[in-house]
Amino acid sequence: MNKKGYLELSKIEIKDILEVNDKELEEAFDIIHNLEPYGVGAYSLEECLKIQLKAKMIIDKKLFLFIDNYLYLLVDKKYNLIKEKLNINDDILFSYIDTIKSLNPIPSRGYSVGKVKKIIPDILVEIKEDEVFYEINRASIPQINIKDKLNDKYYKKINEIVSCIEKRFETLDKIMKIIIREQKIFFINQGKKINTLKISDIANELNFSSSTVSRAIKEKYIKTDFGIISLRKLFNLDSTVFLHQEKILQYIENENKEQPLSDQDIVNLLEKDGIKIARRTVTKYREKLGYKSSYKRKKY
């Protein structure tokens, strides 16, 4: 969120970070929008004002229409045009204006935002005599401390979690070895030069799927002599093909496992996001990412 209390990350980005599906995300937003200060977590002024109205149990379609489409007319005091657009009289218009004035356009006002949480880098990079060295930052690995005795069931579960965490960082270590080799010029020149490096290149070399590599580098950061940078910056992520594959990956990762998306479903979702590609292309990208068909992904 920014200082005003508005969200700056898109819903797709939030889903990617939290690893949740659409339903879970909407449930989270419902909870946030019902917490004080009302309006925090909105994407726009219009949404912020409507959240506050709903908190006050004010549900008025014409008032919502006013907020969604004609606030700019209010700024210019074009009252007659507003009345015409909404088909309302003076009394209702000024009642609406009073209601809007009672709302808070900056919901975070009066609340302390506290200190910004610092990014803990996952990898530490150091340059010595034109050679690049790295190590995994152990401080970034979640620590699990068991204070009380646990029964075998819970102890086994915790061991599985620890094993999973260790495996993720082992994967990251393998990926970093290749990155350091292929992007040595990036580190030597303090980020001013970069080689071409694709996720698929690393996936092929390590015999991983592209989705495995993509998940491993997600939200990972490197500490260098010239600052902390996102691991994704070291990849050529701006190509159209990669962006399409990232979309497909996000759709499949967040799908209902009991009703997985068919390739045609993915085509339709991409089209809604303004991306038009053929179903056979979606099939090719899906297979390249390491995902099976919807029939084989279905969990009963």
C-alpha atoms as a PDB file:
ATOM      1  CA  MET A   1       0.000   0.000   0.000  1.00  0.00           C
ATOM      2  CA  ASN A   2       1.042   3.588  -0.516  1.00  0.00           C
ATOM      3  CA  LYS A   3       0.965   6.289   2.150  1.00  0.00           C
ATOM      4  CA  LYS A   4      -2.679   7.073   1.378  1.00  0.00           C
ATOM      5  CA  GLY A   5      -3.751   3.495   2.046  1.00  0.00           C
ATOM      6  CA  TYR A   6      -4.327   2.537  -1.589  1.00  0.00           C
ATOM      7  CA  LEU A   7      -3.056  -0.704  -3.098  1.00  0.00           C
ATOM      8  CA  GLU A   8      -0.370  -0.435  -5.765  1.00  0.00           C
ATOM      9  CA  LEU A   9       0.154  -4.122  -6.554  1.00  0.00           C
ATOM     10  CA  SER A  10      -2.301  -5.619  -9.045  1.00  0.00           C
ATOM     11  CA  LYS A  11      -4.497  -8.532  -7.991  1.00  0.00           C
ATOM     12  CA  ILE A  12      -2.500 -10.823 -10.266  1.00  0.00           C
ATOM     13  CA  GLU A  13       0.716  -9.795  -8.495  1.00  0.00           C
ATOM     14  CA  ILE A  14      -0.872 -10.303  -5.068  1.00  0.00           C
ATOM     15  CA  LYS A  15      -2.134 -13.762  -6.077  1.00  0.00           C
ATOM     16  CA  ASP A  16       1.360 -14.617  -7.284  1.00  0.00           C
ATOM     17  CA  ILE A  17       3.024 -13.468  -4.054  1.00  0.00           C
ATOM     18  CA  LEU A  18       0.498 -15.091  -1.697  1.00  0.00           C
ATOM     19  CA  GLU A  19      -0.011 -18.181  -3.888  1.00  0.00           C
ATOM     20  CA  VAL A  20      -3.808 -18.058  -3.574  1.00  0.00           C
ATOM     21  CA  ASN A  21      -6.653 -18.505  -6.051  1.00  0.00           C
ATOM     22  CA  ASP A  22      -9.299 -15.947  -7.071  1.00  0.00           C
ATOM     23  CA  LYS A  23     -11.823 -17.057  -4.451  1.00  0.00           C
ATOM     24  CA  GLU A  24      -9.302 -16.912  -1.596  1.00  0.00           C
ATOM     25  CA  LEU A  25      -8.125 -13.481  -2.739  1.00  0.00           C
ATOM     26  CA  GLU A  26     -11.673 -12.086  -2.848  1.00  0.00           C
ATOM     27  CA  GLU A  27     -12.352 -13.458   0.635  1.00  0.00           C
ATOM     28  CA  ALA A  28      -9.210 -11.686   1.867  1.00  0.00           C
ATOM     29  CA  PHE A  29     -10.332  -8.422   0.268  1.00  0.00           C
ATOM     30  CA  ASP A  30     -13.769  -8.772   1.888  1.00  0.00           C
ATOM     31  CA  ILE A  31     -12.102  -9.033   5.291  1.00  0.00           C
ATOM     32  CA  ILE A  32      -9.775  -6.070   4.652  1.00  0.00           C
ATOM     33  CA  HIS A  33     -12.614  -3.878   3.410  1.00  0.00           C
ATOM     34  CA  ASN A  34     -14.555  -4.549   6.601  1.00  0.00           C
ATOM     35  CA  LEU A  35     -11.702  -3.443   8.846  1.00  0.00           C
ATOM     36  CA  GLU A  36     -11.040   0.073  10.081  1.00  0.00           C
ATOM     37  CA  PRO A  37     -10.009   2.492   8.720  1.00  0.00           C
ATOM     38  CA  TYR A  38     -12.660   1.818   6.079  1.00  0.00           C
ATOM     39  CA  GLY A  39     -11.398   2.370   2.554  1.00  0.00           C
ATOM     40  CA  VAL A  40      -7.889   1.040   3.108  1.00  0.00           C
ATOM     41  CA  GLY A  41      -6.948  -1.540   0.486  1.00  0.00           C
ATOM     42  CA  ALA A  42      -8.852   0.138  -2.346  1.00  0.00           C
ATOM     43  CA  TYR A  43      -7.376   0.594  -5.804  1.00  0.00           C
ATOM     44  CA  SER A  44      -8.953   3.975  -6.530  1.00  0.00           C
ATOM     45  CA  LEU A  45     -10.711   6.939  -4.926  1.00  0.00           C
ATOM     46  CA  GLU A  46     -14.019   5.665  -6.276  1.00  0.00           C
ATOM     47  CA  GLU A  47     -13.592   2.211  -4.736  1.00  0.00           C
ATOM     48  CA  CYS A  48     -12.371   3.770  -1.469  1.00  0.00           C
ATOM     49  CA  LEU A  49     -15.510   5.927  -1.147  1.00  0.00           C
ATOM     50  CA  LYS A  50     -17.855   3.039  -1.971  1.00  0.00           C
ATOM     51  CA  ILE A  51     -16.206   0.805   0.646  1.00  0.00           C
ATOM     52  CA  GLN A  52     -16.901   3.493   3.253  1.00  0.00           C
ATOM     53  CA  LEU A  53     -20.512   3.821   2.118  1.00  0.00           C
ATOM     54  CA  LYS A  54     -21.048   0.064   2.398  1.00  0.00           C
ATOM     55  CA  ALA A  55     -19.559   0.160   5.907  1.00  0.00           C
ATOM     56  CA  LYS A  56     -22.228   2.746   6.756  1.00  0.00           C
ATOM     57  CA  MET A  57     -24.872   0.448   5.225  1.00  0.00           C
ATOM     58  CA  ILE A  58     -25.547   2.991   2.464  1.00  0.00           C
ATOM     59  CA  ILE A  59     -26.388   1.151  -0.739  1.00  0.00           C
ATOM     60  CA  ASP A  60     -27.682   3.602  -3.341  1.00  0.00           C
ATOM     61  CA  LYS A  61     -27.224   2.709  -7.020  1.00  0.00           C
ATOM     62  CA  LYS A  62     -27.423   6.316  -8.232  1.00  0.00           C
ATOM     63  CA  LEU A  63     -24.965   7.496  -5.595  1.00  0.00           C
ATOM     64  CA  PHE A  64     -22.575   4.717  -6.641  1.00  0.00           C
ATOM     65  CA  LEU A  65     -23.088   5.724 -10.285  1.00  0.00           C
ATOM     66  CA  PHE A  66     -22.283   9.320  -9.305  1.00  0.00           C
ATOM     67  CA  ILE A  67     -19.038   8.231  -7.651  1.00  0.00           C
ATOM     68  CA  ASP A  68     -18.006   5.892 -10.462  1.00  0.00           C
ATOM     69  CA  ASN A  69     -18.617   8.273 -13.350  1.00  0.00           C
ATOM     70  CA  TYR A  70     -19.264  11.893 -12.419  1.00  0.00           C
ATOM     71  CA  LEU A  71     -16.966  13.021  -9.604  1.00  0.00           C
ATOM     72  CA  TYR A  72     -15.084  15.150 -12.128  1.00  0.00           C
ATOM     73  CA  LEU A  73     -18.301  17.118 -12.724  1.00  0.00           C
ATOM     74  CA  LEU A  74     -18.562  17.756  -8.994  1.00  0.00           C
ATOM     75  CA  VAL A  75     -15.060  19.245  -8.981  1.00  0.00           C
ATOM     76  CA  ASP A  76     -16.152  21.663 -11.722  1.00  0.00           C
ATOM     77  CA  LYS A  77     -19.469  22.324  -9.904  1.00  0.00           C
ATOM     78  CA  LYS A  78     -21.492  21.309 -12.949  1.00  0.00           C
ATOM     79  CA  TYR A  79     -24.530  20.524 -10.820  1.00  0.00           C
ATOM     80  CA  ASN A  80     -27.121  20.756 -13.588  1.00  0.00           C
ATOM     81  CA  LEU A  81     -25.217  18.272 -15.725  1.00  0.00           C
ATOM     82  CA  ILE A  82     -24.952  15.866 -12.769  1.00  0.00           C
ATOM     83  CA  LYS A  83     -28.706  16.101 -12.175  1.00  0.00           C
ATOM     84  CA  GLU A  84     -29.307  15.418 -15.844  1.00  0.00           C
ATOM     85  CA  LYS A  85     -26.958  12.429 -15.937  1.00  0.00           C
ATOM     86  CA  LEU A  86     -28.465  10.862 -12.806  1.00  0.00           C
ATOM     87  CA  ASN A  87     -32.036  12.057 -13.329  1.00  0.00           C
ATOM     88  CA  ILE A  88     -32.290  13.515  -9.808  1.00  0.00           C
ATOM     89  CA  ASN A  89     -33.507  16.779  -8.248  1.00  0.00           C
ATOM     90  CA  ASP A  90     -31.636  19.417  -6.211  1.00  0.00           C
ATOM     91  CA  ASP A  91     -32.460  17.881  -2.845  1.00  0.00           C
ATOM     92  CA  ILE A  92     -31.066  14.480  -3.779  1.00  0.00           C
ATOM     93  CA  LEU A  93     -28.013  16.016  -5.465  1.00  0.00           C
ATOM     94  CA  PHE A  94     -26.978  18.045  -2.435  1.00  0.00           C
ATOM     95  CA  SER A  95     -27.762  15.115  -0.164  1.00  0.00           C
ATOM     96  CA  TYR A  96     -25.310  13.063  -2.252  1.00  0.00           C
ATOM     97  CA  ILE A  97     -22.701  15.831  -2.088  1.00  0.00           C
ATOM     98  CA  ASP A  98     -22.992  16.047   1.710  1.00  0.00           C
ATOM     99  CA  THR A  99     -22.612  12.281   1.956  1.00  0.00           C
ATOM    100  CA  ILE A 100     -19.496  12.286  -0.241  1.00  0.00           C
ATOM    101  CA  LYS A 101     -17.990  15.145   1.782  1.00  0.00           C
ATOM    102  CA  SER A 102     -18.426  13.065   4.947  1.00  0.00           C
ATOM    103  CA  LEU A 103     -16.162  10.351   3.520  1.00  0.00           C
ATOM    104  CA  ASN A 104     -12.375  10.176   3.805  1.00  0.00           C
ATOM    105  CA  PRO A 105     -10.488  10.189   0.480  1.00  0.00           C
ATOM    106  CA  ILE A 106      -7.242   9.333   2.311  1.00  0.00           C
ATOM    107  CA  PRO A 107      -8.196   6.423   4.594  1.00  0.00           C
ATOM    108  CA  SER A 108      -4.733   6.114   6.152  1.00  0.00           C
ATOM    109  CA  ARG A 109      -4.863   9.693   7.449  1.00  0.00           C
ATOM    110  CA  GLY A 110      -4.381   9.754  11.214  1.00  0.00           C
ATOM    111  CA  TYR A 111      -2.876   6.281  11.315  1.00  0.00           C
ATOM    112  CA  SER A 112       0.815   5.617  11.770  1.00  0.00           C
ATOM    113  CA  VAL A 113       2.236   3.467   9.010  1.00  0.00           C
ATOM    114  CA  GLY A 114       5.261   2.517  11.159  1.00  0.00           C
ATOM    115  CA  LYS A 115       8.589   1.479   9.752  1.00  0.00           C
ATOM    116  CA  VAL A 116       8.849  -0.055   6.309  1.00  0.00           C
ATOM    117  CA  LYS A 117       9.917  -3.679   6.525  1.00  0.00           C
ATOM    118  CA  LYS A 118      13.399  -4.148   5.135  1.00  0.00           C
ATOM    119  CA  ILE A 119      14.068  -6.701   2.440  1.00  0.00           C
ATOM    120  CA  ILE A 120      16.274  -9.528   3.683  1.00  0.00           C
ATOM    121  CA  PRO A 121      18.409 -10.650   0.718  1.00  0.00           C
ATOM    122  CA  ASP A 122      18.379 -14.373  -0.013  1.00  0.00           C
ATOM    123  CA  ILE A 123      21.784 -14.391  -1.715  1.00  0.00           C
ATOM    124  CA  LEU A 124      24.951 -12.497  -0.825  1.00  0.00           C
ATOM    125  CA  VAL A 125      27.283 -11.725  -3.727  1.00  0.00           C
ATOM    126  CA  GLU A 126      30.878 -10.555  -3.405  1.00  0.00           C
ATOM    127  CA  ILE A 127      33.508  -9.726  -6.017  1.00  0.00           C
ATOM    128  CA  LYS A 128      37.180 -10.483  -5.391  1.00  0.00           C
ATOM    129  CA  GLU A 129      39.841  -9.920  -8.044  1.00  0.00           C
ATOM    130  CA  ASP A 130      37.282  -9.971 -10.874  1.00  0.00           C
ATOM    131  CA  GLU A 131      35.765 -13.221  -9.647  1.00  0.00           C
ATOM    132  CA  VAL A 132      32.170 -13.450  -8.439  1.00  0.00           C
ATOM    133  CA  PHE A 133      31.382 -15.397  -5.282  1.00  0.00           C
ATOM    134  CA  TYR A 134      28.019 -15.998  -3.652  1.00  0.00           C
ATOM    135  CA  GLU A 135      26.456 -17.659  -0.648  1.00  0.00           C
ATOM    136  CA  ILE A 136      22.901 -18.313   0.478  1.00  0.00           C
ATOM    137  CA  ASN A 137      21.981 -15.948   3.297  1.00  0.00           C
ATOM    138  CA  ARG A 138      21.068 -18.262   6.183  1.00  0.00           C
ATOM    139  CA  ALA A 139      19.245 -15.373   7.885  1.00  0.00           C
ATOM    140  CA  SER A 140      16.647 -15.451   5.088  1.00  0.00           C
ATOM    141  CA  ILE A 141      15.782 -19.097   5.763  1.00  0.00           C
ATOM    142  CA  PRO A 142      12.810 -19.484   8.132  1.00  0.00           C
ATOM    143  CA  GLN A 143      13.833 -21.024  11.447  1.00  0.00           C
ATOM    144  CA  ILE A 144      11.591 -23.496  13.244  1.00  0.00           C
ATOM    145  CA  ASN A 145      12.191 -23.862  16.972  1.00  0.00           C
ATOM    146  CA  ILE A 146      10.426 -26.668  18.817  1.00  0.00           C
ATOM    147  CA  LYS A 147      10.040 -25.782  22.493  1.00  0.00           C
ATOM    148  CA  ASP A 148       7.620 -28.462  23.628  1.00  0.00           C
ATOM    149  CA  LYS A 149       7.494 -32.182  23.034  1.00  0.00           C
ATOM    150  CA  LEU A 150       5.286 -33.131  20.107  1.00  0.00           C
ATOM    151  CA  ASN A 151       3.589 -36.367  19.227  1.00  0.00           C
ATOM    152  CA  ASP A 152       4.911 -38.322  16.258  1.00  0.00           C
ATOM    153  CA  LYS A 153       2.259 -36.947  13.889  1.00  0.00           C
ATOM    154  CA  TYR A 154       3.182 -33.286  14.393  1.00  0.00           C
ATOM    155  CA  TYR A 155       6.903 -34.001  14.607  1.00  0.00           C
ATOM    156  CA  LYS A 156       6.733 -35.749  11.231  1.00  0.00           C
ATOM    157  CA  LYS A 157       4.817 -32.815   9.760  1.00  0.00           C
ATOM    158  CA  ILE A 158       7.409 -30.307  10.977  1.00  0.00           C
ATOM    159  CA  ASN A 159      10.204 -32.441   9.552  1.00  0.00           C
ATOM    160  CA  GLU A 160       8.414 -32.407   6.202  1.00  0.00           C
ATOM    161  CA  ILE A 161       8.202 -28.605   6.323  1.00  0.00           C
ATOM    162  CA  VAL A 162      11.900 -28.294   7.192  1.00  0.00           C
ATOM    163  CA  SER A 163      12.786 -30.722   4.399  1.00  0.00           C
ATOM    164  CA  CYS A 164      10.683 -28.733   1.929  1.00  0.00           C
ATOM    165  CA  ILE A 165      12.394 -25.461   2.912  1.00  0.00           C
ATOM    166  CA  GLU A 166      15.843 -27.032   2.568  1.00  0.00           C
ATOM    167  CA  LYS A 167      14.939 -28.457  -0.847  1.00  0.00           C
ATOM    168  CA  ARG A 168      13.816 -25.023  -2.072  1.00  0.00           C
ATOM    169  CA  PHE A 169      17.112 -23.468  -1.080  1.00  0.00           C
ATOM    170  CA  GLU A 170      19.044 -26.352  -2.647  1.00  0.00           C
ATOM    171  CA  THR A 171      17.181 -25.611  -5.881  1.00  0.00           C
ATOM    172  CA  LEU A 172      17.993 -21.916  -5.518  1.00  0.00           C
ATOM    173  CA  ASP A 173      21.666 -22.784  -4.989  1.00  0.00           C
ATOM    174  CA  LYS A 174      21.770 -24.797  -8.226  1.00  0.00           C
ATOM    175  CA  ILE A 175      20.126 -21.944 -10.110  1.00  0.00           C
ATOM    176  CA  MET A 176      22.555 -19.393  -8.656  1.00  0.00           C
ATOM    177  CA  LYS A 177      25.585 -21.380  -9.851  1.00  0.00           C
ATOM    178  CA  ILE A 178      24.370 -20.956 -13.429  1.00  0.00           C
ATOM    179  CA  ILE A 179      23.378 -17.315 -12.943  1.00  0.00           C
ATOM    180  CA  ILE A 180      26.815 -16.414 -11.583  1.00  0.00           C
ATOM    181  CA  ARG A 181      28.441 -18.167 -14.528  1.00  0.00           C
ATOM    182  CA  GLU A 182      26.196 -16.618 -17.188  1.00  0.00           C
ATOM    183  CA  GLN A 183      25.827 -13.144 -15.682  1.00  0.00           C
ATOM    184  CA  LYS A 184      29.358 -12.547 -14.426  1.00  0.00           C
ATOM    185  CA  ILE A 185      29.497  -9.424 -16.608  1.00  0.00           C
ATOM    186  CA  PHE A 186      26.470  -8.025 -14.766  1.00  0.00           C
ATOM    187  CA  PHE A 187      28.154  -8.199 -11.368  1.00  0.00           C
ATOM    188  CA  ILE A 188      31.607  -7.104 -12.565  1.00  0.00           C
ATOM    189  CA  ASN A 189      30.094  -4.026 -14.254  1.00  0.00           C
ATOM    190  CA  GLN A 190      27.783  -3.230 -11.320  1.00  0.00           C
ATOM    191  CA  GLY A 191      24.595  -3.933 -13.249  1.00  0.00           C
ATOM    192  CA  LYS A 192      25.460  -1.782 -16.274  1.00  0.00           C
ATOM    193  CA  LYS A 193      25.747  -4.749 -18.654  1.00  0.00           C
ATOM    194  CA  ILE A 194      23.721  -7.932 -18.837  1.00  0.00           C
ATOM    195  CA  ASN A 195      23.823 -11.097 -20.915  1.00  0.00           C
ATOM    196  CA  THR A 196      20.829 -12.827 -22.417  1.00  0.00           C
ATOM    197  CA  LEU A 197      19.520 -15.402 -19.950  1.00  0.00           C
ATOM    198  CA  LYS A 198      16.179 -17.152 -20.073  1.00  0.00           C
ATOM    199  CA  ILE A 199      14.408 -19.213 -17.463  1.00  0.00           C
ATOM    200  CA  SER A 200      14.075 -22.004 -20.030  1.00  0.00           C
ATOM    201  CA  ASP A 201      17.898 -22.096 -20.420  1.00  0.00           C
ATOM    202  CA  ILE A 202      18.370 -22.866 -16.734  1.00  0.00           C
ATOM    203  CA  ALA A 203      15.418 -25.260 -16.699  1.00  0.00           C
ATOM    204  CA  ASN A 204      16.915 -27.264 -19.569  1.00  0.00           C
ATOM    205  CA  GLU A 205      20.378 -27.414 -17.998  1.00  0.00           C
ATOM    206  CA  LEU A 206      19.068 -28.565 -14.613  1.00  0.00           C
ATOM    207  CA  ASN A 207      16.372 -30.800 -16.097  1.00  0.00           C
ATOM    208  CA  PHE A 208      13.710 -28.787 -14.254  1.00  0.00           C
ATOM    209  CA  SER A 209      10.441 -27.448 -15.600  1.00  0.00           C
ATOM    210  CA  SER A 210      10.357 -23.703 -16.310  1.00  0.00           C
ATOM    211  CA  SER A 211       7.649 -23.359 -13.660  1.00  0.00           C
ATOM    212  CA  THR A 212      10.008 -24.826 -11.020  1.00  0.00           C
ATOM    213  CA  VAL A 213      12.692 -22.260 -11.855  1.00  0.00           C
ATOM    214  CA  SER A 214      10.155 -19.438 -11.992  1.00  0.00           C
ATOM    215  CA  ARG A 215       8.823 -20.307  -8.529  1.00  0.00           C
ATOM    216  CA  ALA A 216      12.341 -20.658  -7.117  1.00  0.00           C
ATOM    217  CA  ILE A 217      13.383 -17.129  -8.132  1.00  0.00           C
ATOM    218  CA  LYS A 218      10.078 -15.497  -7.222  1.00  0.00           C
ATOM    219  CA  GLU A 219      10.451 -12.816  -4.519  1.00  0.00           C
ATOM    220  CA  LYS A 220      14.162 -13.591  -4.143  1.00  0.00           C
ATOM    221  CA  TYR A 221      16.739 -10.825  -3.753  1.00  0.00           C
ATOM    222  CA  ILE A 222      20.511 -10.514  -4.115  1.00  0.00           C
ATOM    223  CA  LYS A 223      22.730  -8.240  -2.050  1.00  0.00           C
ATOM    224  CA  THR A 224      25.571  -6.808  -4.135  1.00  0.00           C
ATOM    225  CA  ASP A 225      28.170  -4.052  -3.745  1.00  0.00           C
ATOM    226  CA  PHE A 226      25.869  -1.825  -5.807  1.00  0.00           C
ATOM    227  CA  GLY A 227      22.646  -2.511  -3.903  1.00  0.00           C
ATOM    228  CA  ILE A 228      19.927  -5.089  -3.375  1.00  0.00           C
ATOM    229  CA  ILE A 229      18.333  -6.290  -6.599  1.00  0.00           C
ATOM    230  CA  SER A 230      15.562  -8.686  -7.531  1.00  0.00           C
ATOM    231  CA  LEU A 231      16.802 -12.026  -8.842  1.00  0.00           C
ATOM    232  CA  ARG A 232      14.344 -11.709 -11.721  1.00  0.00           C
ATOM    233  CA  LYS A 233      16.256  -8.689 -13.002  1.00  0.00           C
ATOM    234  CA  LEU A 234      18.957 -11.083 -14.226  1.00  0.00           C
ATOM    235  CA  PHE A 235      16.577 -12.726 -16.677  1.00  0.00           C
ATOM    236  CA  ASN A 236      15.228 -11.474 -19.969  1.00  0.00           C
ATOM    237  CA  LEU A 237      11.642 -11.255 -18.796  1.00  0.00           C
ATOM    238  CA  ASP A 238      10.362  -8.595 -21.138  1.00  0.00           C
ATOM    239  CA  SER A 239       9.732 -10.813 -24.131  1.00  0.00           C
ATOM    240  CA  THR A 240       6.161 -11.349 -25.250  1.00  0.00           C
ATOM    241  CA  VAL A 241       6.537 -15.127 -25.130  1.00  0.00           C
ATOM    242  CA  PHE A 242       7.735 -15.059 -21.534  1.00  0.00           C
ATOM    243  CA  LEU A 243       4.900 -12.788 -20.442  1.00  0.00           C
ATOM    244  CA  HIS A 244       2.382 -15.145 -22.054  1.00  0.00           C
ATOM    245  CA  GLN A 245       3.972 -18.121 -20.313  1.00  0.00           C
ATOM    246  CA  GLU A 246       3.924 -16.275 -16.976  1.00  0.00           C
ATOM    247  CA  LYS A 247       0.193 -15.632 -17.388  1.00  0.00           C
ATOM    248  CA  ILE A 248      -0.460 -19.293 -18.149  1.00  0.00           C
ATOM    249  CA  LEU A 249       1.634 -20.334 -15.151  1.00  0.00           C
ATOM    250  CA  GLN A 250      -0.391 -18.024 -12.886  1.00  0.00           C
ATOM    251  CA  TYR A 251      -3.705 -19.337 -14.198  1.00  0.00           C
ATOM    252  CA  ILE A 252      -2.751 -22.979 -13.667  1.00  0.00           C
ATOM    253  CA  GLU A 253      -1.161 -22.384 -10.250  1.00  0.00           C
ATOM    254  CA  ASN A 254      -4.376 -20.751  -9.012  1.00  0.00           C
ATOM    255  CA  GLU A 255      -6.913 -23.014 -10.705  1.00  0.00           C
ATOM    256  CA  ASN A 256      -9.481 -25.179  -8.947  1.00  0.00           C
ATOM    257  CA  LYS A 257      -7.648 -28.517  -8.758  1.00  0.00           C
ATOM    258  CA  GLU A 258     -10.947 -30.400  -8.949  1.00  0.00           C
ATOM    259  CA  GLN A 259     -11.887 -28.508 -12.126  1.00  0.00           C
ATOM    260  CA  PRO A 260      -8.581 -27.618 -13.812  1.00  0.00           C
ATOM    261  CA  LEU A 261      -8.481 -25.230 -16.739  1.00  0.00           C
ATOM    262  CA  SER A 262      -8.533 -26.640 -20.241  1.00  0.00           C
ATOM    263  CA  ASP A 263      -6.330 -25.031 -22.876  1.00  0.00           C
ATOM    264  CA  GLN A 264      -9.422 -23.340 -24.311  1.00  0.00           C
ATOM    265  CA  ASP A 265     -10.277 -21.970 -20.851  1.00  0.00           C
ATOM    266  CA  ILE A 266      -6.784 -20.471 -20.734  1.00  0.00           C
ATOM    267  CA  VAL A 267      -7.254 -18.975 -24.214  1.00  0.00           C
ATOM    268  CA  ASN A 268     -10.447 -17.310 -22.956  1.00  0.00           C
ATOM    269  CA  LEU A 269      -8.736 -15.956 -19.813  1.00  0.00           C
ATOM    270  CA  LEU A 270      -5.853 -14.573 -21.860  1.00  0.00           C
ATOM    271  CA  GLU A 271      -8.317 -12.876 -24.188  1.00  0.00           C
ATOM    272  CA  LYS A 272      -9.965 -11.182 -21.199  1.00  0.00           C
ATOM    273  CA  ASP A 273      -6.506  -9.861 -20.297  1.00  0.00           C
ATOM    274  CA  GLY A 274      -6.084  -8.498 -23.816  1.00  0.00           C
ATOM    275  CA  ILE A 275      -3.860 -11.317 -25.102  1.00  0.00           C
ATOM    276  CA  LYS A 276      -4.941 -13.203 -28.220  1.00  0.00           C
ATOM    277  CA  ILE A 277      -3.093 -16.420 -29.015  1.00  0.00           C
ATOM    278  CA  ALA A 278      -4.194 -19.722 -30.545  1.00  0.00           C
ATOM    279  CA  ARG A 279      -5.118 -22.759 -28.449  1.00  0.00           C
ATOM    280  CA  ARG A 280      -2.274 -24.805 -29.977  1.00  0.00           C
ATOM    281  CA  THR A 281       0.147 -22.082 -28.807  1.00  0.00           C
ATOM    282  CA  VAL A 282      -1.267 -22.319 -25.281  1.00  0.00           C
ATOM    283  CA  THR A 283      -0.781 -26.094 -25.430  1.00  0.00           C
ATOM    284  CA  LYS A 284       2.853 -25.627 -26.501  1.00  0.00           C
ATOM    285  CA  TYR A 285       3.553 -23.100 -23.727  1.00  0.00           C
ATOM    286  CA  ARG A 286       1.798 -25.258 -21.108  1.00  0.00           C
ATOM    287  CA  GLU A 287       3.883 -28.286 -22.030  1.00  0.00           C
ATOM    288  CA  LYS A 288       7.059 -26.178 -22.027  1.00  0.00           C
ATOM    289  CA  LEU A 289       6.201 -25.038 -18.496  1.00  0.00           C
ATOM    290  CA  GLY A 290       5.952 -28.678 -17.463  1.00  0.00           C
ATOM    291  CA  TYR A 291       2.189 -28.924 -16.906  1.00  0.00           C
ATOM    292  CA  LYS A 292       0.106 -31.897 -18.013  1.00  0.00           C
ATOM    293  CA  SER A 293      -3.306 -31.643 -19.682  1.00  0.00           C
ATOM    294  CA  SER A 294      -6.314 -30.599 -17.586  1.00  0.00           C
ATOM    295  CA  TYR A 295      -7.513 -34.213 -17.519  1.00  0.00           C
ATOM    296  CA  LYS A 296      -4.236 -35.398 -15.989  1.00  0.00           C
ATOM    297  CA  ARG A 297      -4.054 -32.436 -13.567  1.00  0.00           C
ATOM    298  CA  LYS A 298      -7.482 -33.136 -12.117  1.00  0.00           C
ATOM    299  CA  LYS A 299      -7.558 -34.197  -8.462  1.00  0.00           C
ATOM    300  CA  TYR A 300     -10.480 -36.287  -7.285  1.00  0.00           C
END
